[in-house]
Amino acid sequence: MLEQKLKEVIRDVPDFPQPGIIFKDITPILKDAHLCTEIVEAFAEQVKDLKIDVVAGIESRGFLFGLMLANKLNIPFVPIRKQGKLPAKTISESYKLEYGQATIEIHDDAFAEGTHVLIHDDLLATGGTVVAASKLIEKLGGKVAGFSFVINLEFLKGEGRLHRFSENVISLVKY
């Protein structure tokens, strides 16, 4: 079972990025090309019945499997980045963090109005970043077709914040 394989590989890093946090590190997965392929295949299988025109990955770990999934589905990949990182004209969305505020951006010509977008990130925690990404998609006239995550930290209840954008929430590992 893929979930069990991933749980055996994902590394817990205590007190990162601050004391009291146990960080779920996916970088050990990247050492195993076969496991990476299994992950992309699992995502592709789970989204096969959704109408998806574009995969949007959230910086930076959302780029890893998001780009691979877009390639597998033979559709474009769109990066959603931290403020000031994209070179052309952008739109932005700010959101609150436990320790402050952050802003993410997308190119204002990333996709056409009416595009169905799958938002991908490595991990769903409280959902703040993903909600902001969803708002960016809607500002550009897109429709959130669903969400995909390698990890869902269910105890933080982030998934509940996403249902107003789409009921399609996929995660390969749940803690």
Protein backbone atom coordinates (compact mmCIF):
# COMPACT_ATOMS: atom_id res chain seq x y z
CA MET A 1 0.00 0.00 0.00
CA LEU A 2 1.38 3.37 -1.07
CA GLU A 3 0.35 5.19 2.12
CA GLN A 4 2.35 2.77 4.26
CA LYS A 5 5.40 3.03 1.98
CA LEU A 6 5.28 6.81 2.23
CA LYS A 7 4.91 6.77 6.01
CA GLU A 8 8.04 4.64 6.21
CA VAL A 9 10.01 7.16 4.13
CA ILE A 10 8.67 10.55 5.29
CA ARG A 11 10.99 11.90 7.96
CA ASP A 12 9.85 13.71 11.12
CA VAL A 13 12.06 16.68 11.99
CA PRO A 14 11.30 17.96 15.50
CA ASP A 15 11.32 21.68 16.33
CA PHE A 16 11.43 22.85 12.69
CA PRO A 17 10.85 25.60 11.64
CA GLN A 18 10.19 26.54 15.28
CA PRO A 19 10.04 24.79 18.66
CA GLY A 20 7.06 22.50 19.14
CA ILE A 21 6.53 21.79 15.42
CA ILE A 22 7.19 18.32 14.01
CA PHE A 23 8.00 18.94 10.35
CA LYS A 24 7.02 16.22 7.85
CA ASP A 25 9.99 16.09 5.47
CA ILE A 26 9.25 14.62 2.03
CA THR A 27 12.80 14.99 0.71
CA PRO A 28 13.67 11.32 1.45
CA ILE A 29 10.96 10.36 -1.07
CA LEU A 30 12.95 12.15 -3.77
CA LYS A 31 15.81 9.64 -3.39
CA ASP A 32 13.57 6.90 -4.82
CA ALA A 33 12.65 7.43 -8.48
CA HIS A 34 10.32 4.41 -8.45
CA LEU A 35 8.41 5.76 -5.44
CA CYS A 36 8.12 9.17 -7.13
CA THR A 37 6.63 7.44 -10.17
CA GLU A 38 4.18 5.56 -7.93
CA ILE A 39 3.08 8.87 -6.39
CA VAL A 40 2.44 10.49 -9.77
CA GLU A 41 0.60 7.37 -10.99
CA ALA A 42 -1.57 7.39 -7.84
CA PHE A 43 -2.47 11.06 -8.32
CA ALA A 44 -3.22 10.50 -12.03
CA GLU A 45 -5.51 7.59 -11.17
CA GLN A 46 -7.37 9.57 -8.52
CA VAL A 47 -7.98 12.60 -10.76
CA LYS A 48 -8.80 10.70 -13.97
CA ASP A 49 -12.52 11.47 -13.74
CA LEU A 50 -12.07 15.18 -12.99
CA LYS A 51 -12.05 17.85 -15.67
CA ILE A 52 -8.59 19.38 -15.27
CA ASP A 53 -7.02 21.77 -17.77
CA VAL A 54 -4.06 22.95 -15.68
CA VAL A 55 -2.14 21.89 -12.58
CA ALA A 56 -1.11 24.81 -10.36
CA GLY A 57 1.67 24.05 -7.88
CA ILE A 58 2.35 26.10 -4.77
CA GLU A 59 5.96 27.15 -4.10
CA SER A 60 8.11 25.35 -3.61
CA ARG A 61 7.43 21.75 -2.72
CA GLY A 62 4.19 21.87 -4.72
CA PHE A 63 6.34 22.16 -7.82
CA LEU A 64 7.89 18.71 -7.36
CA PHE A 65 4.96 16.38 -7.94
CA GLY A 66 2.73 19.07 -9.42
CA LEU A 67 4.93 19.42 -12.49
CA MET A 68 5.33 15.65 -12.82
CA LEU A 69 1.56 15.21 -12.59
CA ALA A 70 0.91 17.92 -15.20
CA ASN A 71 3.37 16.19 -17.53
CA LYS A 72 1.72 12.81 -16.90
CA LEU A 73 -1.70 14.34 -17.69
CA ASN A 74 -0.21 16.16 -20.71
CA ILE A 75 -1.52 19.53 -19.50
CA PRO A 76 0.19 22.82 -18.54
CA PHE A 77 1.75 23.51 -15.16
CA VAL A 78 1.35 26.95 -13.52
CA PRO A 79 3.54 28.05 -10.60
CA ILE A 80 2.06 29.94 -7.67
CA ARG A 81 4.97 31.70 -6.00
CA LYS A 82 5.90 33.84 -3.06
CA GLN A 83 5.59 37.57 -3.64
CA GLY A 84 8.23 39.09 -5.88
CA LYS A 85 9.42 35.83 -7.47
CA LEU A 86 7.49 35.85 -10.76
CA PRO A 87 8.97 38.04 -13.53
CA ALA A 88 5.87 39.19 -15.45
CA LYS A 89 2.67 40.96 -14.37
CA THR A 90 0.99 39.18 -11.44
CA ILE A 91 -2.02 39.24 -9.18
CA SER A 92 -1.57 38.54 -5.48
CA GLU A 93 -3.38 37.25 -2.42
CA SER A 94 -2.28 37.76 1.18
CA TYR A 95 -3.11 35.44 4.04
CA LYS A 96 -2.36 35.04 7.73
CA LEU A 97 0.16 32.67 9.20
CA GLU A 98 0.51 31.61 12.82
CA TYR A 99 3.50 33.94 13.01
CA GLY A 100 2.58 36.76 10.62
CA GLN A 101 1.38 37.27 7.07
CA ALA A 102 2.44 36.05 3.63
CA THR A 103 1.56 36.87 0.04
CA ILE A 104 1.50 34.58 -2.97
CA GLU A 105 1.23 35.49 -6.63
CA ILE A 106 0.35 34.08 -10.03
CA HIS A 107 0.98 35.52 -13.49
CA ASP A 108 -2.13 37.37 -14.63
CA ASP A 109 -2.00 35.47 -17.95
CA ALA A 110 -1.43 32.03 -16.39
CA PHE A 111 -4.56 30.54 -17.98
CA ALA A 112 -7.75 31.52 -19.78
CA GLU A 113 -11.03 32.32 -18.05
CA GLY A 114 -13.08 29.17 -17.42
CA THR A 115 -10.01 26.94 -17.00
CA HIS A 116 -10.39 24.02 -14.57
CA VAL A 117 -7.40 24.01 -12.21
CA LEU A 118 -6.08 21.29 -9.91
CA ILE A 119 -4.12 22.91 -7.07
CA HIS A 120 -1.21 20.81 -5.82
CA ASP A 121 1.01 21.12 -2.76
CA ASP A 122 3.08 18.65 -0.80
CA LEU A 123 1.24 19.10 2.50
CA LEU A 124 -2.10 20.35 3.77
CA ALA A 125 -1.94 21.78 7.28
CA THR A 126 -4.31 24.59 8.29
CA GLY A 127 -5.15 25.38 4.66
CA GLY A 128 -4.25 29.09 4.65
CA THR A 129 -1.90 28.96 1.68
CA VAL A 130 -4.22 26.73 -0.33
CA VAL A 131 -7.23 28.97 0.34
CA ALA A 132 -5.18 31.94 -0.88
CA ALA A 133 -4.18 29.96 -3.99
CA SER A 134 -7.84 29.12 -4.61
CA LYS A 135 -8.75 32.79 -4.42
CA LEU A 136 -6.05 33.56 -6.99
CA ILE A 137 -7.51 30.94 -9.34
CA GLU A 138 -10.97 32.46 -8.96
CA LYS A 139 -9.65 36.04 -9.45
CA LEU A 140 -8.34 34.94 -12.86
CA GLY A 141 -11.73 33.46 -13.74
CA GLY A 142 -10.67 29.86 -13.24
CA LYS A 143 -12.54 27.07 -11.47
CA VAL A 144 -10.87 25.00 -8.79
CA ALA A 145 -11.38 21.42 -10.01
CA GLY A 146 -9.77 19.92 -6.92
CA PHE A 147 -6.74 19.67 -4.68
CA SER A 148 -3.95 17.11 -4.39
CA PHE A 149 -1.52 16.68 -1.52
CA VAL A 150 1.09 14.11 -0.65
CA ILE A 151 0.30 14.63 3.07
CA ASN A 152 -2.82 15.80 4.91
CA LEU A 153 -2.36 16.67 8.59
CA GLU A 154 -6.03 15.92 9.37
CA PHE A 155 -5.78 17.00 13.00
CA LEU A 156 -5.28 20.61 11.81
CA LYS A 157 -8.62 20.49 9.93
CA GLY A 158 -7.39 22.36 6.84
CA GLU A 159 -9.48 20.23 4.50
CA GLY A 160 -12.71 21.74 5.80
CA ARG A 161 -11.57 25.18 4.59
CA LEU A 162 -11.23 23.92 1.02
CA HIS A 163 -14.71 22.52 0.41
CA ARG A 164 -16.13 25.92 -0.54
CA PHE A 165 -13.84 25.80 -3.59
CA SER A 166 -14.08 22.07 -4.43
CA GLU A 167 -15.13 18.84 -2.74
CA ASN A 168 -12.33 17.00 -4.57
CA VAL A 169 -9.51 16.76 -2.02
CA ILE A 170 -6.96 14.02 -2.59
CA SER A 171 -4.15 13.10 -0.21
CA LEU A 172 -1.92 10.05 -0.27
CA VAL A 173 -0.94 10.08 3.42
CA LYS A 174 -3.02 11.16 6.40
CA TYR A 175 -1.76 11.90 9.88
